[in-house]
Amino acid sequence: MDLIGKRDAGELIDARRRAKGMSWTELAEAAGLPVVWLTSAVLGAHPAPAAVAATLRELLDLDEPLVEALIRQPYRTIDPELLADPTIYRFQELIQVYGPALKALIHEEFGDGIMSAINCSIDLRRGAHPGGDRVVLTIDGKFLPYDWAASEGEG
């Protein structure tokens, strides 16, 4: 069997999704998963559970190498080319501008710690606004306090 990279597989699966006329939301509903998570998994950032991969295989007539790529554990690295994309760059810009304020507010509200990017959920929706529709993004992340845990044998 030919091995295909997760990101390459994601592009092929996305092309199949568009050819079938299906939205990401329709795929997510069929799989019983949040749309942001499913989209991220298909595009290569998460391993899809076997049952989800089977659902996508049926809906999109996927070949076995694409199904295997969906299930495989990803390498979660940054692709420098993606950072130049205008939409992705704006998220970087958002963090550059508001990151220090968000950090200060998290520390003020919760104490010394971080918001988990591993234990979180993300929701995206369209919000009506007189000045033009808005992208409404909600990130719900678990707070993880910094904590020192001594290793075994350490007094």
C-alpha atoms as a PDB file:
ATOM      1  CA  MET A   1       0.000   0.000   0.000  1.00  0.00           C
ATOM      2  CA  ASP A   2       1.254   3.468  -0.842  1.00  0.00           C
ATOM      3  CA  LEU A   3       1.727   5.796   2.112  1.00  0.00           C
ATOM      4  CA  ILE A   4       0.392   9.310   1.635  1.00  0.00           C
ATOM      5  CA  GLY A   5       1.129  12.243   3.933  1.00  0.00           C
ATOM      6  CA  LYS A   6      -1.693  13.543   6.097  1.00  0.00           C
ATOM      7  CA  ARG A   7      -1.639  17.038   4.584  1.00  0.00           C
ATOM      8  CA  ASP A   8      -1.566  15.700   1.023  1.00  0.00           C
ATOM      9  CA  ALA A   9      -4.397  13.331   1.929  1.00  0.00           C
ATOM     10  CA  GLY A  10      -6.312  16.267   3.404  1.00  0.00           C
ATOM     11  CA  GLU A  11      -6.077  18.178   0.140  1.00  0.00           C
ATOM     12  CA  LEU A  12      -7.335  15.156  -1.807  1.00  0.00           C
ATOM     13  CA  ILE A  13     -10.178  14.521   0.652  1.00  0.00           C
ATOM     14  CA  ASP A  14     -11.132  18.200   0.532  1.00  0.00           C
ATOM     15  CA  ALA A  15     -11.237  18.044  -3.278  1.00  0.00           C
ATOM     16  CA  ARG A  16     -13.463  14.944  -3.049  1.00  0.00           C
ATOM     17  CA  ARG A  17     -15.721  16.738  -0.544  1.00  0.00           C
ATOM     18  CA  ARG A  18     -16.137  19.721  -2.879  1.00  0.00           C
ATOM     19  CA  ALA A  19     -16.725  17.459  -5.905  1.00  0.00           C
ATOM     20  CA  LYS A  20     -19.512  15.722  -3.963  1.00  0.00           C
ATOM     21  CA  GLY A  21     -21.015  19.125  -3.091  1.00  0.00           C
ATOM     22  CA  MET A  22     -20.751  18.557   0.654  1.00  0.00           C
ATOM     23  CA  SER A  23     -19.948  21.229   3.222  1.00  0.00           C
ATOM     24  CA  TRP A  24     -17.625  20.754   6.170  1.00  0.00           C
ATOM     25  CA  THR A  25     -20.692  21.151   8.398  1.00  0.00           C
ATOM     26  CA  GLU A  26     -22.483  18.291   6.630  1.00  0.00           C
ATOM     27  CA  LEU A  27     -19.454  16.034   7.059  1.00  0.00           C
ATOM     28  CA  ALA A  28     -19.154  16.939  10.727  1.00  0.00           C
ATOM     29  CA  GLU A  29     -22.832  16.273  11.361  1.00  0.00           C
ATOM     30  CA  ALA A  30     -22.575  12.867   9.635  1.00  0.00           C
ATOM     31  CA  ALA A  31     -19.546  12.021  11.788  1.00  0.00           C
ATOM     32  CA  GLY A  32     -21.147  13.388  14.964  1.00  0.00           C
ATOM     33  CA  LEU A  33     -18.227  15.735  15.646  1.00  0.00           C
ATOM     34  CA  PRO A  34     -17.679  19.497  15.970  1.00  0.00           C
ATOM     35  CA  VAL A  35     -17.015  21.040  12.571  1.00  0.00           C
ATOM     36  CA  VAL A  36     -13.757  22.780  13.542  1.00  0.00           C
ATOM     37  CA  TRP A  37     -12.320  19.553  14.968  1.00  0.00           C
ATOM     38  CA  LEU A  38     -13.377  17.423  12.001  1.00  0.00           C
ATOM     39  CA  THR A  39     -12.052  19.922   9.466  1.00  0.00           C
ATOM     40  CA  SER A  40      -8.751  20.086  11.322  1.00  0.00           C
ATOM     41  CA  ALA A  41      -8.543  16.275  11.440  1.00  0.00           C
ATOM     42  CA  VAL A  42      -9.261  15.891   7.724  1.00  0.00           C
ATOM     43  CA  LEU A  43      -6.662  18.543   6.906  1.00  0.00           C
ATOM     44  CA  GLY A  44      -4.067  16.584   8.879  1.00  0.00           C
ATOM     45  CA  ALA A  45      -3.835  17.962  12.427  1.00  0.00           C
ATOM     46  CA  HIS A  46      -5.567  15.117  14.341  1.00  0.00           C
ATOM     47  CA  PRO A  47      -5.876  11.352  14.019  1.00  0.00           C
ATOM     48  CA  ALA A  48      -9.463  10.483  13.125  1.00  0.00           C
ATOM     49  CA  PRO A  49     -11.045   7.615  15.051  1.00  0.00           C
ATOM     50  CA  ALA A  50     -11.523   4.533  12.836  1.00  0.00           C
ATOM     51  CA  ALA A  51     -15.320   4.915  12.932  1.00  0.00           C
ATOM     52  CA  VAL A  52     -15.052   8.511  11.697  1.00  0.00           C
ATOM     53  CA  ALA A  53     -12.659   7.485   8.921  1.00  0.00           C
ATOM     54  CA  ALA A  54     -15.125   4.754   7.914  1.00  0.00           C
ATOM     55  CA  THR A  55     -17.955   7.298   7.769  1.00  0.00           C
ATOM     56  CA  LEU A  56     -15.864   9.610   5.590  1.00  0.00           C
ATOM     57  CA  ARG A  57     -14.852   6.670   3.374  1.00  0.00           C
ATOM     58  CA  GLU A  58     -18.524   5.920   2.698  1.00  0.00           C
ATOM     59  CA  LEU A  59     -19.626   9.517   2.203  1.00  0.00           C
ATOM     60  CA  LEU A  60     -16.725  10.505  -0.049  1.00  0.00           C
ATOM     61  CA  ASP A  61     -15.768   7.161  -1.659  1.00  0.00           C
ATOM     62  CA  LEU A  62     -12.244   7.345  -0.241  1.00  0.00           C
ATOM     63  CA  ASP A  63      -9.476   4.955  -1.238  1.00  0.00           C
ATOM     64  CA  GLU A  64      -7.682   2.958   1.469  1.00  0.00           C
ATOM     65  CA  PRO A  65      -4.498   5.153   1.500  1.00  0.00           C
ATOM     66  CA  LEU A  66      -6.654   8.217   2.273  1.00  0.00           C
ATOM     67  CA  VAL A  67      -8.469   6.373   5.067  1.00  0.00           C
ATOM     68  CA  GLU A  68      -5.143   5.218   6.520  1.00  0.00           C
ATOM     69  CA  ALA A  69      -3.832   8.797   6.412  1.00  0.00           C
ATOM     70  CA  LEU A  70      -6.903   9.987   8.326  1.00  0.00           C
ATOM     71  CA  ILE A  71      -6.284   7.483  11.130  1.00  0.00           C
ATOM     72  CA  ARG A  72      -2.518   7.954  11.405  1.00  0.00           C
ATOM     73  CA  GLN A  73      -1.033  10.086  14.204  1.00  0.00           C
ATOM     74  CA  PRO A  74       0.094  13.463  12.804  1.00  0.00           C
ATOM     75  CA  TYR A  75       3.250  15.450  13.233  1.00  0.00           C
ATOM     76  CA  ARG A  76       2.019  18.770  14.559  1.00  0.00           C
ATOM     77  CA  THR A  77       4.552  21.112  13.017  1.00  0.00           C
ATOM     78  CA  ILE A  78       4.365  24.533  11.400  1.00  0.00           C
ATOM     79  CA  ASP A  79       4.477  24.749   7.627  1.00  0.00           C
ATOM     80  CA  PRO A  80       6.198  28.094   6.885  1.00  0.00           C
ATOM     81  CA  GLU A  81       4.236  28.437   3.636  1.00  0.00           C
ATOM     82  CA  LEU A  82       0.963  28.415   5.585  1.00  0.00           C
ATOM     83  CA  LEU A  83       2.132  31.362   7.680  1.00  0.00           C
ATOM     84  CA  ALA A  84       2.080  33.572   4.561  1.00  0.00           C
ATOM     85  CA  ASP A  85      -1.602  32.848   3.888  1.00  0.00           C
ATOM     86  CA  PRO A  86      -3.564  36.072   4.611  1.00  0.00           C
ATOM     87  CA  THR A  87      -6.180  34.388   6.815  1.00  0.00           C
ATOM     88  CA  ILE A  88      -3.620  32.450   8.844  1.00  0.00           C
ATOM     89  CA  TYR A  89      -1.369  35.511   9.055  1.00  0.00           C
ATOM     90  CA  ARG A  90      -4.255  37.494  10.599  1.00  0.00           C
ATOM     91  CA  PHE A  91      -4.472  34.943  13.394  1.00  0.00           C
ATOM     92  CA  GLN A  92      -0.762  35.438  14.012  1.00  0.00           C
ATOM     93  CA  GLU A  93      -1.334  39.198  13.991  1.00  0.00           C
ATOM     94  CA  LEU A  94      -4.222  38.817  16.426  1.00  0.00           C
ATOM     95  CA  ILE A  95      -1.955  36.959  18.867  1.00  0.00           C
ATOM     96  CA  GLN A  96       0.867  39.478  18.387  1.00  0.00           C
ATOM     97  CA  VAL A  97      -1.461  42.379  19.205  1.00  0.00           C
ATOM     98  CA  TYR A  98      -3.741  40.816  21.830  1.00  0.00           C
ATOM     99  CA  GLY A  99      -1.583  37.939  23.149  1.00  0.00           C
ATOM    100  CA  PRO A 100       0.078  39.963  25.938  1.00  0.00           C
ATOM    101  CA  ALA A 101      -3.302  41.349  27.060  1.00  0.00           C
ATOM    102  CA  LEU A 102      -4.924  37.906  27.011  1.00  0.00           C
ATOM    103  CA  LYS A 103      -1.995  36.485  29.001  1.00  0.00           C
ATOM    104  CA  ALA A 104      -2.289  39.267  31.587  1.00  0.00           C
ATOM    105  CA  LEU A 105      -6.053  38.775  31.882  1.00  0.00           C
ATOM    106  CA  ILE A 106      -5.761  34.988  32.203  1.00  0.00           C
ATOM    107  CA  HIS A 107      -3.182  35.424  34.974  1.00  0.00           C
ATOM    108  CA  GLU A 108      -5.335  38.012  36.733  1.00  0.00           C
ATOM    109  CA  GLU A 109      -8.454  35.858  36.570  1.00  0.00           C
ATOM    110  CA  PHE A 110      -6.970  32.383  37.106  1.00  0.00           C
ATOM    111  CA  GLY A 111      -3.457  32.815  38.493  1.00  0.00           C
ATOM    112  CA  ASP A 112      -0.142  31.568  37.127  1.00  0.00           C
ATOM    113  CA  GLY A 113      -0.843  29.122  34.314  1.00  0.00           C
ATOM    114  CA  ILE A 114      -1.913  28.681  30.713  1.00  0.00           C
ATOM    115  CA  MET A 115      -4.934  27.878  28.588  1.00  0.00           C
ATOM    116  CA  SER A 116      -4.607  24.414  27.092  1.00  0.00           C
ATOM    117  CA  ALA A 117      -4.551  24.073  23.320  1.00  0.00           C
ATOM    118  CA  ILE A 118      -4.794  20.309  23.740  1.00  0.00           C
ATOM    119  CA  ASN A 119      -7.872  20.280  25.981  1.00  0.00           C
ATOM    120  CA  CYS A 120     -10.030  22.856  24.245  1.00  0.00           C
ATOM    121  CA  SER A 121     -12.917  23.309  21.872  1.00  0.00           C
ATOM    122  CA  ILE A 122     -13.301  25.894  19.138  1.00  0.00           C
ATOM    123  CA  ASP A 123     -16.497  27.136  17.560  1.00  0.00           C
ATOM    124  CA  LEU A 124     -16.813  29.374  14.524  1.00  0.00           C
ATOM    125  CA  ARG A 125     -19.995  31.039  13.347  1.00  0.00           C
ATOM    126  CA  ARG A 126     -21.191  33.973  11.285  1.00  0.00           C
ATOM    127  CA  GLY A 127     -22.536  36.953  13.217  1.00  0.00           C
ATOM    128  CA  ALA A 128     -24.787  39.536  11.589  1.00  0.00           C
ATOM    129  CA  HIS A 129     -23.579  43.135  11.989  1.00  0.00           C
ATOM    130  CA  PRO A 130     -24.754  46.383  10.348  1.00  0.00           C
ATOM    131  CA  GLY A 131     -21.186  47.128   9.248  1.00  0.00           C
ATOM    132  CA  GLY A 132     -20.735  43.690   7.641  1.00  0.00           C
ATOM    133  CA  ASP A 133     -20.922  40.106   8.823  1.00  0.00           C
ATOM    134  CA  ARG A 134     -18.518  39.123  11.588  1.00  0.00           C
ATOM    135  CA  VAL A 135     -16.471  35.997  12.188  1.00  0.00           C
ATOM    136  CA  VAL A 136     -17.340  34.896  15.719  1.00  0.00           C
ATOM    137  CA  LEU A 137     -14.690  32.578  17.098  1.00  0.00           C
ATOM    138  CA  THR A 138     -15.034  31.005  20.540  1.00  0.00           C
ATOM    139  CA  ILE A 139     -12.138  29.153  22.136  1.00  0.00           C
ATOM    140  CA  ASP A 140     -12.966  27.231  25.294  1.00  0.00           C
ATOM    141  CA  GLY A 141      -9.714  25.955  26.803  1.00  0.00           C
ATOM    142  CA  LYS A 142      -8.983  24.245  30.100  1.00  0.00           C
ATOM    143  CA  PHE A 143      -6.894  26.323  32.508  1.00  0.00           C
ATOM    144  CA  LEU A 144      -3.693  24.557  33.522  1.00  0.00           C
ATOM    145  CA  PRO A 145      -1.947  26.054  36.550  1.00  0.00           C
ATOM    146  CA  TYR A 146       1.824  25.912  36.657  1.00  0.00           C
ATOM    147  CA  ASP A 147       2.761  23.316  39.238  1.00  0.00           C
ATOM    148  CA  TRP A 148       6.027  21.863  40.433  1.00  0.00           C
ATOM    149  CA  ALA A 149       5.949  18.119  40.882  1.00  0.00           C
ATOM    150  CA  ALA A 150       9.058  16.540  42.339  1.00  0.00           C
ATOM    151  CA  SER A 151      10.320  13.439  40.534  1.00  0.00           C
ATOM    152  CA  GLU A 152      10.613  10.135  42.353  1.00  0.00           C
ATOM    153  CA  GLY A 153      13.461  10.074  44.805  1.00  0.00           C
ATOM    154  CA  GLU A 154      13.573  13.875  44.965  1.00  0.00           C
ATOM    155  CA  GLY A 155      13.023  15.132  48.485  1.00  0.00           C
END
